[in-house]
Amino acid sequence: MLRALHGLTMLENPVSRAELLNALLAELVKLENSSDLVITHPAPSFVADQLCSAVIQWWGKEFLDEPPSEVVIENGIVDASRHLQELFELSEAEARSASVSFVGQLSRDRTRNEVAILISHQGPREIAHGAYYCNYLALGSYYDEGYLNWRAGIQAKLRSAY
């Protein structure tokens, strides 16, 4: 499957997350139609979306110091939105809106590359927490004292659940 995506991952022709997702979905459907793969999940697009995130992370580790900033940022928005839906039971639209707004806030005083690095280093769960606190709840700024106290409370709840 990765061989089929090779042309999309060239530095001279950076690919968007949407293009990568479409290529993965097309390849999954092709493999299923040829009976080389059986997809039991009711939504093959969900499987392709999960694979897309994995490929982007792998892509950055194997070929580049970091994947193209635009791809990292969009992938971060998608992954953070998914976490917002799971952790805080937001609708897809609410989660996407909070994530996009949060990345917009991060972009106000950082370059696109700096935002991409921040997203890749913090990870989707932390970006989701920032988006929820700063944008959905509108309680303050990322990494201010209020956020850190709120985040400590979240961590305490998670630890007590285990």
C-alpha atoms as a PDB file:
ATOM      1  CA  MET A   1       0.000   0.000   0.000  1.00  0.00           C
ATOM      2  CA  LEU A   2       2.822   2.415   0.830  1.00  0.00           C
ATOM      3  CA  ARG A   3       4.303   1.817  -2.617  1.00  0.00           C
ATOM      4  CA  ALA A   4       1.029   3.037  -4.105  1.00  0.00           C
ATOM      5  CA  LEU A   5       1.382   6.234  -2.068  1.00  0.00           C
ATOM      6  CA  HIS A   6       5.041   6.819  -2.943  1.00  0.00           C
ATOM      7  CA  GLY A   7       4.279   9.483  -5.549  1.00  0.00           C
ATOM      8  CA  LEU A   8       2.253  11.431  -3.003  1.00  0.00           C
ATOM      9  CA  THR A   9       5.015  11.648  -0.443  1.00  0.00           C
ATOM     10  CA  MET A  10       7.710  13.311  -2.482  1.00  0.00           C
ATOM     11  CA  LEU A  11       9.098  16.557  -1.074  1.00  0.00           C
ATOM     12  CA  GLU A  12       8.811  18.263  -4.456  1.00  0.00           C
ATOM     13  CA  ASN A  13       5.076  17.545  -4.495  1.00  0.00           C
ATOM     14  CA  PRO A  14       3.787  17.776  -0.905  1.00  0.00           C
ATOM     15  CA  VAL A  15       0.440  16.136  -0.404  1.00  0.00           C
ATOM     16  CA  SER A  16      -2.441  17.397   1.692  1.00  0.00           C
ATOM     17  CA  ARG A  17      -4.001  15.202   4.347  1.00  0.00           C
ATOM     18  CA  ALA A  18      -7.172  14.998   2.244  1.00  0.00           C
ATOM     19  CA  GLU A  19      -5.224  13.703  -0.772  1.00  0.00           C
ATOM     20  CA  LEU A  20      -3.446  11.141   1.383  1.00  0.00           C
ATOM     21  CA  LEU A  21      -6.734  10.061   2.958  1.00  0.00           C
ATOM     22  CA  ASN A  22      -8.357   9.674  -0.471  1.00  0.00           C
ATOM     23  CA  ALA A  23      -5.380   7.659  -1.749  1.00  0.00           C
ATOM     24  CA  LEU A  24      -5.508   5.363   1.289  1.00  0.00           C
ATOM     25  CA  LEU A  25      -9.247   4.845   0.985  1.00  0.00           C
ATOM     26  CA  ALA A  26      -8.934   4.100  -2.737  1.00  0.00           C
ATOM     27  CA  GLU A  27      -6.159   1.596  -2.053  1.00  0.00           C
ATOM     28  CA  LEU A  28      -8.177  -0.077   0.734  1.00  0.00           C
ATOM     29  CA  VAL A  29     -11.202  -0.387  -1.546  1.00  0.00           C
ATOM     30  CA  LYS A  30      -8.977  -1.763  -4.331  1.00  0.00           C
ATOM     31  CA  LEU A  31      -7.502  -4.369  -1.954  1.00  0.00           C
ATOM     32  CA  GLU A  32     -10.935  -5.335  -0.690  1.00  0.00           C
ATOM     33  CA  ASN A  33     -12.336  -5.628  -4.220  1.00  0.00           C
ATOM     34  CA  SER A  34      -9.440  -7.906  -5.191  1.00  0.00           C
ATOM     35  CA  SER A  35     -10.141 -10.072  -2.105  1.00  0.00           C
ATOM     36  CA  ASP A  36      -6.660  -9.362  -0.712  1.00  0.00           C
ATOM     37  CA  LEU A  37      -8.156  -7.616   2.306  1.00  0.00           C
ATOM     38  CA  VAL A  38     -11.407  -7.898   4.220  1.00  0.00           C
ATOM     39  CA  ILE A  39     -12.564  -4.758   5.995  1.00  0.00           C
ATOM     40  CA  THR A  40     -14.969  -5.639   8.781  1.00  0.00           C
ATOM     41  CA  HIS A  41     -15.403  -2.083  10.063  1.00  0.00           C
ATOM     42  CA  PRO A  42     -18.717  -0.614   8.843  1.00  0.00           C
ATOM     43  CA  ALA A  43     -16.976   2.571   7.646  1.00  0.00           C
ATOM     44  CA  PRO A  44     -13.888   2.003   5.497  1.00  0.00           C
ATOM     45  CA  SER A  45     -13.316   5.771   5.581  1.00  0.00           C
ATOM     46  CA  PHE A  46     -12.736   5.505   9.361  1.00  0.00           C
ATOM     47  CA  VAL A  47     -10.094   2.836   8.773  1.00  0.00           C
ATOM     48  CA  ALA A  48      -8.477   5.019   6.103  1.00  0.00           C
ATOM     49  CA  ASP A  49      -8.540   8.001   8.488  1.00  0.00           C
ATOM     50  CA  GLN A  50      -6.743   6.028  11.202  1.00  0.00           C
ATOM     51  CA  LEU A  51      -4.193   4.766   8.676  1.00  0.00           C
ATOM     52  CA  CYS A  52      -3.715   8.303   7.383  1.00  0.00           C
ATOM     53  CA  SER A  53      -2.689   9.521  10.838  1.00  0.00           C
ATOM     54  CA  ALA A  54      -0.303   6.588  11.217  1.00  0.00           C
ATOM     55  CA  VAL A  55       1.245   7.190   7.791  1.00  0.00           C
ATOM     56  CA  ILE A  56       1.780  10.890   8.496  1.00  0.00           C
ATOM     57  CA  GLN A  57       3.548  10.092  11.751  1.00  0.00           C
ATOM     58  CA  TRP A  58       5.649   7.385  10.066  1.00  0.00           C
ATOM     59  CA  TRP A  59       6.353   9.670   7.119  1.00  0.00           C
ATOM     60  CA  GLY A  60       7.879  12.299   9.366  1.00  0.00           C
ATOM     61  CA  LYS A  61      10.033   9.835  11.262  1.00  0.00           C
ATOM     62  CA  GLU A  62      11.332   7.998   8.207  1.00  0.00           C
ATOM     63  CA  PHE A  63      11.799  10.629   5.528  1.00  0.00           C
ATOM     64  CA  LEU A  64      11.885  14.098   7.009  1.00  0.00           C
ATOM     65  CA  ASP A  65      12.718  15.841  10.221  1.00  0.00           C
ATOM     66  CA  GLU A  66       9.028  16.682  10.157  1.00  0.00           C
ATOM     67  CA  PRO A  67       6.338  16.188   7.499  1.00  0.00           C
ATOM     68  CA  PRO A  68       5.177  19.370   5.721  1.00  0.00           C
ATOM     69  CA  SER A  69       3.706  21.828   8.239  1.00  0.00           C
ATOM     70  CA  GLU A  70       0.320  21.972   6.541  1.00  0.00           C
ATOM     71  CA  VAL A  71      -0.075  18.200   6.779  1.00  0.00           C
ATOM     72  CA  VAL A  72       0.990  18.099  10.436  1.00  0.00           C
ATOM     73  CA  ILE A  73      -1.402  20.911  11.336  1.00  0.00           C
ATOM     74  CA  GLU A  74      -4.387  19.393   9.534  1.00  0.00           C
ATOM     75  CA  ASN A  75      -3.628  15.963  10.970  1.00  0.00           C
ATOM     76  CA  GLY A  76      -3.356  17.536  14.436  1.00  0.00           C
ATOM     77  CA  ILE A  77      -6.755  19.191  14.003  1.00  0.00           C
ATOM     78  CA  VAL A  78      -8.334  15.908  12.910  1.00  0.00           C
ATOM     79  CA  ASP A  79      -6.747  13.902  15.740  1.00  0.00           C
ATOM     80  CA  ALA A  80      -7.518  16.545  18.391  1.00  0.00           C
ATOM     81  CA  SER A  81     -11.120  16.716  17.158  1.00  0.00           C
ATOM     82  CA  ARG A  82     -11.416  12.955  17.516  1.00  0.00           C
ATOM     83  CA  HIS A  83     -10.088  13.168  21.078  1.00  0.00           C
ATOM     84  CA  LEU A  84     -12.510  15.998  21.911  1.00  0.00           C
ATOM     85  CA  GLN A  85     -15.394  13.844  20.735  1.00  0.00           C
ATOM     86  CA  GLU A  86     -14.225  10.884  22.819  1.00  0.00           C
ATOM     87  CA  LEU A  87     -13.028  12.676  25.975  1.00  0.00           C
ATOM     88  CA  PHE A  88     -15.600  15.451  26.287  1.00  0.00           C
ATOM     89  CA  GLU A  89     -18.461  14.074  24.178  1.00  0.00           C
ATOM     90  CA  LEU A  90     -18.512  17.023  21.794  1.00  0.00           C
ATOM     91  CA  SER A  91     -20.255  16.758  18.454  1.00  0.00           C
ATOM     92  CA  GLU A  92     -18.046  16.459  15.393  1.00  0.00           C
ATOM     93  CA  ALA A  93     -18.780  20.087  14.442  1.00  0.00           C
ATOM     94  CA  GLU A  94     -18.067  21.395  17.968  1.00  0.00           C
ATOM     95  CA  ALA A  95     -14.832  19.422  18.171  1.00  0.00           C
ATOM     96  CA  ARG A  96     -13.634  20.590  14.754  1.00  0.00           C
ATOM     97  CA  SER A  97     -14.531  24.213  15.537  1.00  0.00           C
ATOM     98  CA  ALA A  98     -12.702  24.165  18.887  1.00  0.00           C
ATOM     99  CA  SER A  99      -9.629  22.531  17.320  1.00  0.00           C
ATOM    100  CA  VAL A 100      -9.471  24.928  14.372  1.00  0.00           C
ATOM    101  CA  SER A 101      -9.924  27.930  16.676  1.00  0.00           C
ATOM    102  CA  PHE A 102      -7.224  26.669  19.004  1.00  0.00           C
ATOM    103  CA  VAL A 103      -4.741  26.200  16.161  1.00  0.00           C
ATOM    104  CA  GLY A 104      -5.659  29.716  15.034  1.00  0.00           C
ATOM    105  CA  GLN A 105      -4.769  31.007  18.498  1.00  0.00           C
ATOM    106  CA  LEU A 106      -1.471  29.141  18.419  1.00  0.00           C
ATOM    107  CA  SER A 107      -0.763  30.683  15.006  1.00  0.00           C
ATOM    108  CA  ARG A 108      -1.148  34.275  16.188  1.00  0.00           C
ATOM    109  CA  ASP A 109       2.378  34.502  17.569  1.00  0.00           C
ATOM    110  CA  ARG A 110       4.056  31.512  15.913  1.00  0.00           C
ATOM    111  CA  THR A 111       5.059  30.585  12.378  1.00  0.00           C
ATOM    112  CA  ARG A 112       3.263  27.719  10.640  1.00  0.00           C
ATOM    113  CA  ASN A 113       6.359  25.558  11.156  1.00  0.00           C
ATOM    114  CA  GLU A 114       6.450  26.384  14.889  1.00  0.00           C
ATOM    115  CA  VAL A 115       2.750  25.469  15.198  1.00  0.00           C
ATOM    116  CA  ALA A 116       3.382  22.175  13.394  1.00  0.00           C
ATOM    117  CA  ILE A 117       6.293  21.375  15.720  1.00  0.00           C
ATOM    118  CA  LEU A 118       4.192  22.251  18.778  1.00  0.00           C
ATOM    119  CA  ILE A 119       1.341  20.033  17.578  1.00  0.00           C
ATOM    120  CA  SER A 120       3.614  17.098  16.818  1.00  0.00           C
ATOM    121  CA  HIS A 121       5.455  17.371  20.139  1.00  0.00           C
ATOM    122  CA  GLN A 122       2.402  17.955  22.335  1.00  0.00           C
ATOM    123  CA  GLY A 123       0.325  15.232  20.703  1.00  0.00           C
ATOM    124  CA  PRO A 124      -3.379  15.105  19.911  1.00  0.00           C
ATOM    125  CA  ARG A 125      -4.606  14.586  23.480  1.00  0.00           C
ATOM    126  CA  GLU A 126      -2.802  17.676  24.786  1.00  0.00           C
ATOM    127  CA  ILE A 127      -3.961  19.736  21.800  1.00  0.00           C
ATOM    128  CA  ALA A 128      -7.518  18.517  22.477  1.00  0.00           C
ATOM    129  CA  HIS A 129      -7.226  19.584  26.113  1.00  0.00           C
ATOM    130  CA  GLY A 130      -5.945  23.014  25.056  1.00  0.00           C
ATOM    131  CA  ALA A 131      -8.755  23.390  22.527  1.00  0.00           C
ATOM    132  CA  TYR A 132     -11.375  22.361  25.072  1.00  0.00           C
ATOM    133  CA  TYR A 133     -10.100  24.695  27.811  1.00  0.00           C
ATOM    134  CA  CYS A 134      -9.212  27.705  25.654  1.00  0.00           C
ATOM    135  CA  ASN A 135     -11.906  27.568  22.981  1.00  0.00           C
ATOM    136  CA  TYR A 136     -14.829  25.393  23.982  1.00  0.00           C
ATOM    137  CA  LEU A 137     -14.924  26.454  27.643  1.00  0.00           C
ATOM    138  CA  ALA A 138     -13.237  29.837  26.917  1.00  0.00           C
ATOM    139  CA  LEU A 139     -11.583  29.822  30.358  1.00  0.00           C
ATOM    140  CA  GLY A 140      -8.197  31.314  29.496  1.00  0.00           C
ATOM    141  CA  SER A 141      -4.965  30.916  27.597  1.00  0.00           C
ATOM    142  CA  TYR A 142      -2.971  27.824  26.850  1.00  0.00           C
ATOM    143  CA  TYR A 143      -0.451  27.109  29.583  1.00  0.00           C
ATOM    144  CA  ASP A 144      -1.551  29.952  31.844  1.00  0.00           C
ATOM    145  CA  GLU A 145      -1.939  29.163  35.546  1.00  0.00           C
ATOM    146  CA  GLY A 146      -5.658  28.458  35.166  1.00  0.00           C
ATOM    147  CA  TYR A 147      -5.016  25.954  32.393  1.00  0.00           C
ATOM    148  CA  LEU A 148      -2.291  24.203  34.363  1.00  0.00           C
ATOM    149  CA  ASN A 149      -4.570  23.872  37.406  1.00  0.00           C
ATOM    150  CA  TRP A 150      -7.465  22.648  35.252  1.00  0.00           C
ATOM    151  CA  ARG A 151      -5.125  20.171  33.510  1.00  0.00           C
ATOM    152  CA  ALA A 152      -3.862  18.894  36.868  1.00  0.00           C
ATOM    153  CA  GLY A 153      -7.473  18.166  37.830  1.00  0.00           C
ATOM    154  CA  ILE A 154      -8.011  16.234  34.592  1.00  0.00           C
ATOM    155  CA  GLN A 155      -4.861  14.183  35.244  1.00  0.00           C
ATOM    156  CA  ALA A 156      -5.963  13.438  38.816  1.00  0.00           C
ATOM    157  CA  LYS A 157      -9.329  12.149  37.536  1.00  0.00           C
ATOM    158  CA  LEU A 158      -7.567   9.943  34.997  1.00  0.00           C
ATOM    159  CA  ARG A 159      -5.215   8.512  37.637  1.00  0.00           C
ATOM    160  CA  SER A 160      -8.076   7.779  40.035  1.00  0.00           C
ATOM    161  CA  ALA A 161      -9.957   5.966  37.257  1.00  0.00           C
ATOM    162  CA  TYR A 162      -7.143   3.400  37.058  1.00  0.00           C
END
